[in-house]
Amino acid sequence: MNSVCKQELNSDRVLDITAETCPMTFVRTRLALDRMKKGEVLLVRLRGDEPKRNIPRTAAEQGHDVLAQRDLPDGTTELLLRKG
């Protein structure tokens, strides 16, 4: 997993789950990934320590690639996932 600083995260789709709590954070992420084609990239915006730990781990366990993760000044995190 790469840490991305000031460069843009390019994606095919964007999912904002900053208002969600676990387990819905990964449910929404998984549904978004299920609707995508293999190789497409999903940018997930999330908030909180639990989703920040669980979403990358669970996505990797399901065969997706975690391309990048960055923490933003507003307390949210952006996570870039490639559908496997």
C-alpha atoms as a PDB file:
ATOM      1  CA  MET A   1       0.000   0.000   0.000  1.00  0.00           C
ATOM      2  CA  ASN A   2       1.387   3.364  -1.001  1.00  0.00           C
ATOM      3  CA  SER A   3       0.955   6.594   0.874  1.00  0.00           C
ATOM      4  CA  VAL A   4      -0.036   9.418  -1.440  1.00  0.00           C
ATOM      5  CA  CYS A   5       0.687  13.005  -0.493  1.00  0.00           C
ATOM      6  CA  LYS A   6      -0.036  15.840  -2.877  1.00  0.00           C
ATOM      7  CA  GLN A   7      -0.857  13.892  -5.993  1.00  0.00           C
ATOM      8  CA  GLU A   8      -4.333  13.292  -7.316  1.00  0.00           C
ATOM      9  CA  LEU A   9      -5.988   9.951  -6.789  1.00  0.00           C
ATOM     10  CA  ASN A  10      -7.477   8.966 -10.144  1.00  0.00           C
ATOM     11  CA  SER A  11     -10.446   6.629 -10.108  1.00  0.00           C
ATOM     12  CA  ASP A  12     -13.272   5.281 -12.233  1.00  0.00           C
ATOM     13  CA  ARG A  13     -15.807   5.769  -9.418  1.00  0.00           C
ATOM     14  CA  VAL A  14     -16.056   7.572  -6.093  1.00  0.00           C
ATOM     15  CA  LEU A  15     -17.812   6.323  -2.959  1.00  0.00           C
ATOM     16  CA  ASP A  16     -18.330   8.628   0.030  1.00  0.00           C
ATOM     17  CA  ILE A  17     -18.999   6.644   3.211  1.00  0.00           C
ATOM     18  CA  THR A  18     -17.915   9.317   5.674  1.00  0.00           C
ATOM     19  CA  ALA A  19     -21.380   9.286   7.297  1.00  0.00           C
ATOM     20  CA  GLU A  20     -21.513   5.461   7.617  1.00  0.00           C
ATOM     21  CA  THR A  21     -20.433   3.254  10.520  1.00  0.00           C
ATOM     22  CA  CYS A  22     -19.158  -0.321  10.559  1.00  0.00           C
ATOM     23  CA  PRO A  23     -20.276  -2.771   9.296  1.00  0.00           C
ATOM     24  CA  MET A  24     -22.080  -0.644   6.693  1.00  0.00           C
ATOM     25  CA  THR A  25     -18.815   0.970   5.605  1.00  0.00           C
ATOM     26  CA  PHE A  26     -17.561  -2.251   4.049  1.00  0.00           C
ATOM     27  CA  VAL A  27     -21.028  -3.360   2.894  1.00  0.00           C
ATOM     28  CA  ARG A  28     -21.304  -0.179   0.814  1.00  0.00           C
ATOM     29  CA  THR A  29     -17.706  -0.571  -0.419  1.00  0.00           C
ATOM     30  CA  ARG A  30     -18.279  -4.186  -1.405  1.00  0.00           C
ATOM     31  CA  LEU A  31     -21.501  -3.352  -3.255  1.00  0.00           C
ATOM     32  CA  ALA A  32     -19.674  -0.627  -5.188  1.00  0.00           C
ATOM     33  CA  LEU A  33     -16.828  -3.012  -6.089  1.00  0.00           C
ATOM     34  CA  ASP A  34     -19.325  -5.728  -7.115  1.00  0.00           C
ATOM     35  CA  ARG A  35     -20.840  -3.312  -9.663  1.00  0.00           C
ATOM     36  CA  MET A  36     -17.457  -2.540 -11.225  1.00  0.00           C
ATOM     37  CA  LYS A  37     -15.443  -4.326 -13.901  1.00  0.00           C
ATOM     38  CA  LYS A  38     -12.171  -6.056 -13.056  1.00  0.00           C
ATOM     39  CA  GLY A  39      -9.323  -3.547 -13.106  1.00  0.00           C
ATOM     40  CA  GLU A  40     -11.497  -0.496 -12.461  1.00  0.00           C
ATOM     41  CA  VAL A  41     -10.470   1.781  -9.604  1.00  0.00           C
ATOM     42  CA  LEU A  42     -12.691   2.940  -6.740  1.00  0.00           C
ATOM     43  CA  LEU A  43     -11.910   5.971  -4.593  1.00  0.00           C
ATOM     44  CA  VAL A  44     -13.453   5.542  -1.142  1.00  0.00           C
ATOM     45  CA  ARG A  45     -13.789   8.494   1.225  1.00  0.00           C
ATOM     46  CA  LEU A  46     -14.182   7.325   4.820  1.00  0.00           C
ATOM     47  CA  ARG A  47     -13.995   8.570   8.394  1.00  0.00           C
ATOM     48  CA  GLY A  48     -12.862   6.821  11.565  1.00  0.00           C
ATOM     49  CA  ASP A  49     -10.241   4.380  12.755  1.00  0.00           C
ATOM     50  CA  GLU A  50     -12.329   1.216  12.401  1.00  0.00           C
ATOM     51  CA  PRO A  51     -13.138   1.608   8.682  1.00  0.00           C
ATOM     52  CA  LYS A  52      -9.578   2.835   8.066  1.00  0.00           C
ATOM     53  CA  ARG A  53      -8.272  -0.486   9.429  1.00  0.00           C
ATOM     54  CA  ASN A  54     -10.999  -2.836   8.207  1.00  0.00           C
ATOM     55  CA  ILE A  55     -11.771  -1.742   4.649  1.00  0.00           C
ATOM     56  CA  PRO A  56      -8.230  -2.113   3.223  1.00  0.00           C
ATOM     57  CA  ARG A  57      -7.734  -5.443   5.010  1.00  0.00           C
ATOM     58  CA  THR A  58     -11.071  -6.906   3.945  1.00  0.00           C
ATOM     59  CA  ALA A  59     -10.738  -5.623   0.371  1.00  0.00           C
ATOM     60  CA  ALA A  60      -7.308  -7.283   0.078  1.00  0.00           C
ATOM     61  CA  GLU A  61      -8.675 -10.528   1.552  1.00  0.00           C
ATOM     62  CA  GLN A  62     -11.332 -10.509  -1.202  1.00  0.00           C
ATOM     63  CA  GLY A  63      -8.725 -10.153  -3.940  1.00  0.00           C
ATOM     64  CA  HIS A  64      -8.766  -6.409  -4.551  1.00  0.00           C
ATOM     65  CA  ASP A  65      -5.629  -4.253  -4.674  1.00  0.00           C
ATOM     66  CA  VAL A  66      -5.108  -1.416  -2.218  1.00  0.00           C
ATOM     67  CA  LEU A  67      -3.319   1.159  -4.384  1.00  0.00           C
ATOM     68  CA  ALA A  68      -3.089   4.134  -2.055  1.00  0.00           C
ATOM     69  CA  GLN A  69      -4.321   5.619   1.172  1.00  0.00           C
ATOM     70  CA  ARG A  70      -4.060   9.181   2.431  1.00  0.00           C
ATOM     71  CA  ASP A  71      -5.313  11.042   5.468  1.00  0.00           C
ATOM     72  CA  LEU A  72      -6.763  14.479   4.835  1.00  0.00           C
ATOM     73  CA  PRO A  73      -6.680  17.516   7.156  1.00  0.00           C
ATOM     74  CA  ASP A  74     -10.464  17.306   7.740  1.00  0.00           C
ATOM     75  CA  GLY A  75     -10.071  13.923   9.461  1.00  0.00           C
ATOM     76  CA  THR A  76     -11.239  11.834   6.527  1.00  0.00           C
ATOM     77  CA  THR A  77      -9.232   9.218   4.647  1.00  0.00           C
ATOM     78  CA  GLU A  78      -9.156   8.515   0.920  1.00  0.00           C
ATOM     79  CA  LEU A  79      -8.551   4.931  -0.102  1.00  0.00           C
ATOM     80  CA  LEU A  80      -7.878   3.828  -3.672  1.00  0.00           C
ATOM     81  CA  LEU A  81      -8.908   0.256  -4.512  1.00  0.00           C
ATOM     82  CA  ARG A  82      -8.533  -1.668  -7.807  1.00  0.00           C
ATOM     83  CA  LYS A  83     -11.119  -4.371  -8.356  1.00  0.00           C
ATOM     84  CA  GLY A  84      -9.475  -7.776  -8.561  1.00  0.00           C
END
